[in-house]
C-alpha atoms as a PDB file:
ATOM      1  CA  MET A   1     -88.255 185.814 -61.057  1.00  0.00           C
ATOM      2  CA  PHE A   2     -89.716 189.291 -60.510  1.00  0.00           C
ATOM      3  CA  GLU A   3     -93.428 188.500 -60.194  1.00  0.00           C
ATOM      4  CA  ASN A   4     -93.532 189.614 -56.524  1.00  0.00           C
ATOM      5  CA  PHE A   5     -91.593 192.834 -57.079  1.00  0.00           C
ATOM      6  CA  SER A   6     -93.307 196.234 -56.762  1.00  0.00           C
ATOM      7  CA  GLN A   7     -93.184 198.787 -59.569  1.00  0.00           C
ATOM      8  CA  GLN A   8     -90.566 200.768 -57.614  1.00  0.00           C
ATOM      9  CA  ALA A   9     -88.398 197.670 -57.110  1.00  0.00           C
ATOM     10  CA  LEU A  10     -88.641 196.847 -60.822  1.00  0.00           C
ATOM     11  CA  LYS A  11     -87.640 200.422 -61.611  1.00  0.00           C
ATOM     12  CA  VAL A  12     -84.587 200.016 -59.356  1.00  0.00           C
ATOM     13  CA  ILE A  13     -83.618 196.933 -61.339  1.00  0.00           C
ATOM     14  CA  MET A  14     -84.027 198.808 -64.619  1.00  0.00           C
ATOM     15  CA  LEU A  15     -81.978 201.721 -63.266  1.00  0.00           C
ATOM     16  CA  SER A  16     -79.237 199.323 -62.139  1.00  0.00           C
ATOM     17  CA  GLN A  17     -79.160 197.828 -65.644  1.00  0.00           C
ATOM     18  CA  GLU A  18     -78.875 201.344 -67.039  1.00  0.00           C
ATOM     19  CA  GLU A  19     -75.927 202.052 -64.711  1.00  0.00           C
ATOM     20  CA  THR A  20     -74.323 198.816 -65.911  1.00  0.00           C
ATOM     21  CA  ARG A  21     -74.681 199.895 -69.542  1.00  0.00           C
ATOM     22  CA  LYS A  22     -73.204 203.336 -68.743  1.00  0.00           C
ATOM     23  CA  LEU A  23     -70.066 201.593 -67.521  1.00  0.00           C
ATOM     24  CA  ASN A  24     -69.938 199.399 -70.660  1.00  0.00           C
ATOM     25  CA  ALA A  25     -70.383 196.274 -68.558  1.00  0.00           C
ATOM     26  CA  ASN A  26     -72.736 193.386 -69.199  1.00  0.00           C
ATOM     27  CA  ILE A  27     -73.163 192.070 -65.641  1.00  0.00           C
ATOM     28  CA  VAL A  28     -75.201 193.905 -63.001  1.00  0.00           C
ATOM     29  CA  GLU A  29     -73.122 193.886 -59.830  1.00  0.00           C
ATOM     30  CA  THR A  30     -74.048 194.948 -56.283  1.00  0.00           C
ATOM     31  CA  GLU A  31     -72.713 198.464 -56.836  1.00  0.00           C
ATOM     32  CA  HIS A  32     -75.003 198.947 -59.846  1.00  0.00           C
ATOM     33  CA  LEU A  33     -77.952 197.809 -57.750  1.00  0.00           C
ATOM     34  CA  LEU A  34     -76.989 200.291 -55.031  1.00  0.00           C
ATOM     35  CA  LEU A  35     -76.852 203.080 -57.624  1.00  0.00           C
ATOM     36  CA  GLY A  36     -80.304 202.042 -58.854  1.00  0.00           C
ATOM     37  CA  ILE A  37     -81.699 202.121 -55.308  1.00  0.00           C
ATOM     38  CA  LEU A  38     -80.295 205.601 -54.758  1.00  0.00           C
ATOM     39  CA  ARG A  39     -81.686 206.879 -58.063  1.00  0.00           C
ATOM     40  CA  GLU A  40     -85.241 205.688 -57.299  1.00  0.00           C
ATOM     41  CA  VAL A  41     -86.781 208.589 -55.413  1.00  0.00           C
ATOM     42  CA  GLY A  42     -89.462 208.119 -52.817  1.00  0.00           C
ATOM     43  CA  GLY A  43     -88.800 204.754 -51.244  1.00  0.00           C
ATOM     44  CA  ILE A  44     -87.652 203.951 -47.736  1.00  0.00           C
ATOM     45  CA  ALA A  45     -84.365 202.606 -49.129  1.00  0.00           C
ATOM     46  CA  GLN A  46     -83.456 205.902 -50.773  1.00  0.00           C
ATOM     47  CA  THR A  47     -84.520 207.790 -47.634  1.00  0.00           C
ATOM     48  CA  VAL A  48     -82.202 205.666 -45.484  1.00  0.00           C
ATOM     49  CA  LEU A  49     -79.273 206.088 -47.870  1.00  0.00           C
ATOM     50  CA  VAL A  50     -79.760 209.867 -47.992  1.00  0.00           C
ATOM     51  CA  SER A  51     -80.039 210.025 -44.193  1.00  0.00           C
ATOM     52  CA  ASN A  52     -76.632 208.302 -44.089  1.00  0.00           C
ATOM     53  CA  ASN A  53     -75.280 211.095 -46.329  1.00  0.00           C
ATOM     54  CA  ILE A  54     -74.871 208.750 -49.295  1.00  0.00           C
ATOM     55  CA  GLN A  55     -75.064 210.654 -52.569  1.00  0.00           C
ATOM     56  CA  LEU A  56     -75.022 209.446 -56.137  1.00  0.00           C
ATOM     57  CA  SER A  57     -71.810 211.338 -56.916  1.00  0.00           C
ATOM     58  CA  MET A  58     -70.072 209.718 -53.916  1.00  0.00           C
ATOM     59  CA  LEU A  59     -70.968 206.228 -55.116  1.00  0.00           C
ATOM     60  CA  GLN A  60     -69.978 206.986 -58.690  1.00  0.00           C
ATOM     61  CA  SER A  61     -66.559 208.180 -57.537  1.00  0.00           C
ATOM     62  CA  TYR A  62     -65.846 204.638 -56.295  1.00  0.00           C
ATOM     63  CA  LEU A  63     -66.600 203.137 -59.700  1.00  0.00           C
ATOM     64  CA  PRO A  64     -64.499 203.271 -62.836  1.00  0.00           C
ATOM     65  CA  SER A  65     -65.803 205.974 -65.168  1.00  0.00           C
ATOM     66  CA  SER A  66     -65.936 203.499 -68.003  1.00  0.00           C
ATOM     67  CA  LEU A  67     -64.764 200.016 -68.813  1.00  0.00           C
ATOM     68  CA  PRO A  68     -63.403 199.113 -72.235  1.00  0.00           C
ATOM     69  CA  LYS A  69     -66.187 198.659 -74.810  1.00  0.00           C
ATOM     70  CA  ARG A  70     -67.379 195.091 -75.035  1.00  0.00           C
ATOM     71  CA  SER A  71     -68.357 193.970 -78.463  1.00  0.00           C
ATOM     72  CA  GLY A  72     -70.805 191.229 -79.278  1.00  0.00           C
ATOM     73  CA  VAL A  73     -72.758 190.559 -76.081  1.00  0.00           C
ATOM     74  CA  LYS A  74     -75.351 193.234 -75.477  1.00  0.00           C
ATOM     75  CA  GLU A  75     -77.548 191.298 -73.055  1.00  0.00           C
ATOM     76  CA  ILE A  76     -77.295 192.311 -69.420  1.00  0.00           C
ATOM     77  CA  HIS A  77     -77.046 189.541 -66.822  1.00  0.00           C
ATOM     78  CA  PHE A  78     -77.145 189.575 -63.030  1.00  0.00           C
ATOM     79  CA  SER A  79     -74.149 188.517 -60.973  1.00  0.00           C
ATOM     80  CA  ASP A  80     -74.523 185.690 -58.466  1.00  0.00           C
ATOM     81  CA  HIS A  81     -74.418 188.227 -55.618  1.00  0.00           C
ATOM     82  CA  VAL A  82     -77.264 190.238 -57.149  1.00  0.00           C
ATOM     83  CA  LYS A  83     -79.316 187.073 -57.665  1.00  0.00           C
ATOM     84  CA  GLN A  84     -78.750 186.258 -53.986  1.00  0.00           C
ATOM     85  CA  ILE A  85     -79.875 189.779 -53.064  1.00  0.00           C
ATOM     86  CA  PHE A  86     -83.118 189.240 -54.998  1.00  0.00           C
ATOM     87  CA  GLU A  87     -83.736 186.005 -53.075  1.00  0.00           C
ATOM     88  CA  LEU A  88     -82.897 187.655 -49.750  1.00  0.00           C
ATOM     89  CA  ALA A  89     -85.186 190.577 -50.633  1.00  0.00           C
ATOM     90  CA  GLU A  90     -88.069 188.170 -51.208  1.00  0.00           C
ATOM     91  CA  ASP A  91     -87.314 186.556 -47.835  1.00  0.00           C
ATOM     92  CA  GLU A  92     -87.232 189.974 -46.150  1.00  0.00           C
ATOM     93  CA  ALA A  93     -90.581 190.915 -47.701  1.00  0.00           C
ATOM     94  CA  HIS A  94     -92.089 187.680 -46.444  1.00  0.00           C
ATOM     95  CA  LEU A  95     -90.602 188.102 -42.960  1.00  0.00           C
ATOM     96  CA  THR A  96     -91.898 191.665 -42.655  1.00  0.00           C
ATOM     97  CA  GLN A  97     -95.324 190.547 -43.933  1.00  0.00           C
ATOM     98  CA  TYR A  98     -95.339 192.440 -47.222  1.00  0.00           C
ATOM     99  CA  SER A  99     -97.018 190.915 -50.238  1.00  0.00           C
ATOM    100  CA  GLU A 100     -94.433 192.329 -52.624  1.00  0.00           C
ATOM    101  CA  VAL A 101     -90.748 193.186 -52.669  1.00  0.00           C
ATOM    102  CA  LEU A 102     -90.161 196.906 -52.164  1.00  0.00           C
ATOM    103  CA  THR A 103     -86.983 198.950 -52.638  1.00  0.00           C
ATOM    104  CA  GLU A 104     -86.154 198.677 -48.947  1.00  0.00           C
ATOM    105  CA  HIS A 105     -86.230 194.881 -49.207  1.00  0.00           C
ATOM    106  CA  LEU A 106     -83.586 195.108 -51.936  1.00  0.00           C
ATOM    107  CA  LEU A 107     -81.421 197.229 -49.626  1.00  0.00           C
ATOM    108  CA  LEU A 108     -82.075 194.828 -46.732  1.00  0.00           C
ATOM    109  CA  GLY A 109     -81.010 191.953 -48.990  1.00  0.00           C
ATOM    110  CA  LEU A 110     -77.829 193.790 -49.933  1.00  0.00           C
ATOM    111  CA  VAL A 111     -77.039 194.516 -46.282  1.00  0.00           C
ATOM    112  CA  GLN A 112     -77.833 190.945 -45.244  1.00  0.00           C
ATOM    113  CA  LEU A 113     -75.586 189.504 -47.954  1.00  0.00           C
ATOM    114  CA  GLY A 114     -72.730 191.556 -46.528  1.00  0.00           C
ATOM    115  CA  GLU A 115     -70.512 190.974 -49.554  1.00  0.00           C
ATOM    116  CA  GLY A 116     -69.694 192.714 -52.778  1.00  0.00           C
ATOM    117  CA  LYS A 117     -68.401 196.074 -53.905  1.00  0.00           C
ATOM    118  CA  ALA A 118     -71.554 197.918 -52.722  1.00  0.00           C
ATOM    119  CA  VAL A 119     -71.080 196.759 -49.125  1.00  0.00           C
ATOM    120  CA  GLU A 120     -67.396 197.661 -49.327  1.00  0.00           C
ATOM    121  CA  ILE A 121     -68.294 201.162 -50.578  1.00  0.00           C
ATOM    122  CA  LEU A 122     -70.904 201.667 -47.839  1.00  0.00           C
ATOM    123  CA  GLN A 123     -68.423 200.586 -45.174  1.00  0.00           C
ATOM    124  CA  ASN A 124     -65.729 202.887 -46.627  1.00  0.00           C
ATOM    125  CA  LEU A 125     -68.233 205.731 -46.366  1.00  0.00           C
ATOM    126  CA  GLY A 126     -68.672 204.942 -42.661  1.00  0.00           C
ATOM    127  CA  VAL A 127     -72.096 203.316 -42.828  1.00  0.00           C
ATOM    128  CA  ASN A 128     -72.899 200.898 -40.009  1.00  0.00           C
ATOM    129  CA  LEU A 129     -74.797 198.112 -41.807  1.00  0.00           C
ATOM    130  CA  ALA A 130     -76.526 196.826 -38.661  1.00  0.00           C
ATOM    131  CA  ARG A 131     -77.730 200.328 -37.862  1.00  0.00           C
ATOM    132  CA  MET A 132     -78.905 200.772 -41.471  1.00  0.00           C
ATOM    133  CA  ARG A 133     -80.912 197.556 -41.214  1.00  0.00           C
ATOM    134  CA  TRP A 134     -82.492 198.717 -37.963  1.00  0.00           C
ATOM    135  CA  HIS A 135     -83.322 202.104 -39.514  1.00  0.00           C
ATOM    136  CA  ILE A 136     -85.080 200.456 -42.480  1.00  0.00           C
ATOM    137  CA  LEU A 137     -87.110 198.160 -40.224  1.00  0.00           C
ATOM    138  CA  ARG A 138     -88.062 201.084 -37.965  1.00  0.00           C
ATOM    139  CA  LEU A 139     -89.265 203.168 -40.921  1.00  0.00           C
ATOM    140  CA  GLN A 140     -91.251 200.206 -42.248  1.00  0.00           C
ATOM    141  CA  ARG A 141     -92.908 199.764 -38.864  1.00  0.00           C
ATOM    142  CA  GLU A 142     -93.723 203.472 -38.627  1.00  0.00           C
ATOM    143  CA  GLN A 143     -95.210 203.377 -42.118  1.00  0.00           C
ATOM    144  CA  LYS A 144     -97.373 200.386 -41.222  1.00  0.00           C
ATOM    145  CA  LEU A 145     -98.533 202.096 -38.023  1.00  0.00           C
ATOM    146  CA  GLU A 146     -99.458 205.240 -39.961  1.00  0.00           C
ATOM    147  CA  GLU A 147    -101.493 203.120 -42.348  1.00  0.00           C
ATOM    148  CA  ALA A 148    -103.289 201.327 -39.501  1.00  0.00           C
ATOM    149  CA  HIS A 149    -106.749 202.705 -38.879  1.00  0.00           C
ATOM    150  CA  THR A 150    -107.884 202.658 -35.266  1.00  0.00           C
ATOM    151  CA  PRO A 151    -110.695 205.223 -35.086  1.00  0.00           C
ATOM    152  CA  ASN A 152    -112.006 204.231 -31.647  1.00  0.00           C
ATOM    153  CA  LEU A 153    -108.545 204.086 -30.133  1.00  0.00           C
ATOM    154  CA  ASP A 154    -107.667 207.442 -31.725  1.00  0.00           C
ATOM    155  CA  ARG A 155    -110.892 208.963 -30.457  1.00  0.00           C
ATOM    156  CA  TYR A 156    -110.372 208.034 -26.798  1.00  0.00           C
ATOM    157  CA  SER A 157    -106.609 208.165 -26.431  1.00  0.00           C
ATOM    158  CA  SER A 158    -103.454 210.025 -27.416  1.00  0.00           C
ATOM    159  CA  ASP A 159    -100.361 208.562 -28.970  1.00  0.00           C
ATOM    160  CA  LEU A 160     -97.658 209.855 -26.630  1.00  0.00           C
ATOM    161  CA  THR A 161     -94.896 208.679 -28.950  1.00  0.00           C
ATOM    162  CA  LYS A 162     -96.250 210.814 -31.805  1.00  0.00           C
ATOM    163  CA  ILE A 163     -96.782 213.794 -29.523  1.00  0.00           C
ATOM    164  CA  LEU A 164     -93.242 213.588 -28.135  1.00  0.00           C
ATOM    165  CA  ALA A 165     -91.778 213.016 -31.609  1.00  0.00           C
ATOM    166  CA  LYS A 166     -93.481 216.180 -32.817  1.00  0.00           C
ATOM    167  CA  GLN A 167     -92.240 217.911 -29.656  1.00  0.00           C
ATOM    168  CA  GLN A 168     -95.751 219.055 -28.807  1.00  0.00           C
ATOM    169  CA  SER A 169     -95.261 218.145 -25.188  1.00  0.00           C
ATOM    170  CA  ASN A 170     -92.503 218.804 -22.722  1.00  0.00           C
ATOM    171  CA  HIS A 171     -93.617 216.061 -20.360  1.00  0.00           C
ATOM    172  CA  VAL A 172     -91.208 213.301 -19.509  1.00  0.00           C
ATOM    173  CA  VAL A 173     -92.596 209.904 -18.713  1.00  0.00           C
ATOM    174  CA  GLU A 174     -90.511 207.989 -16.204  1.00  0.00           C
ATOM    175  CA  TRP A 175     -91.056 204.376 -15.433  1.00  0.00           C
ATOM    176  CA  PRO A 176     -90.093 202.981 -12.040  1.00  0.00           C
ATOM    177  CA  GLU A 177     -87.268 200.484 -12.113  1.00  0.00           C
ATOM    178  CA  MET A 178     -88.447 196.919 -12.209  1.00  0.00           C
ATOM    179  CA  ILE A 179     -87.023 194.598  -9.639  1.00  0.00           C
END
């Protein structure tokens, strides 16, 4: 099931299982996956959540501090929603031309599913899911562009978008209206 998942994505899954155990549950739900994504530092998904002012303590306040101890079953399973998120994440990775599922694909899958406690929590915290999706895709595109090597183009031209983003120029480019 996880053969196309990056090391970071696998770590998110392990962290979500850990969050599930902390709450004495035996089924990983969407909210546990969201906690795992937020705990994994360094990915685009965590960056987007932090930029939306989502903090671990905020998410944890929406969850029960502990469920009654469950005896017997110690194996952790994934809920149907989480399994769907994994499938959607693989689809997102394929659509965005990545060879493996990254943490941001897990968050994209969660947003695309649009159901579950995690989505409810994000919406209660004022997160616009469509805007979050756009933000993830924009950061992915920027990352791919940074990784692209175009020595001849770089040698003979300037990237105005980068210059303006770094505020190294006060020029304004205006395009005439098209008729």
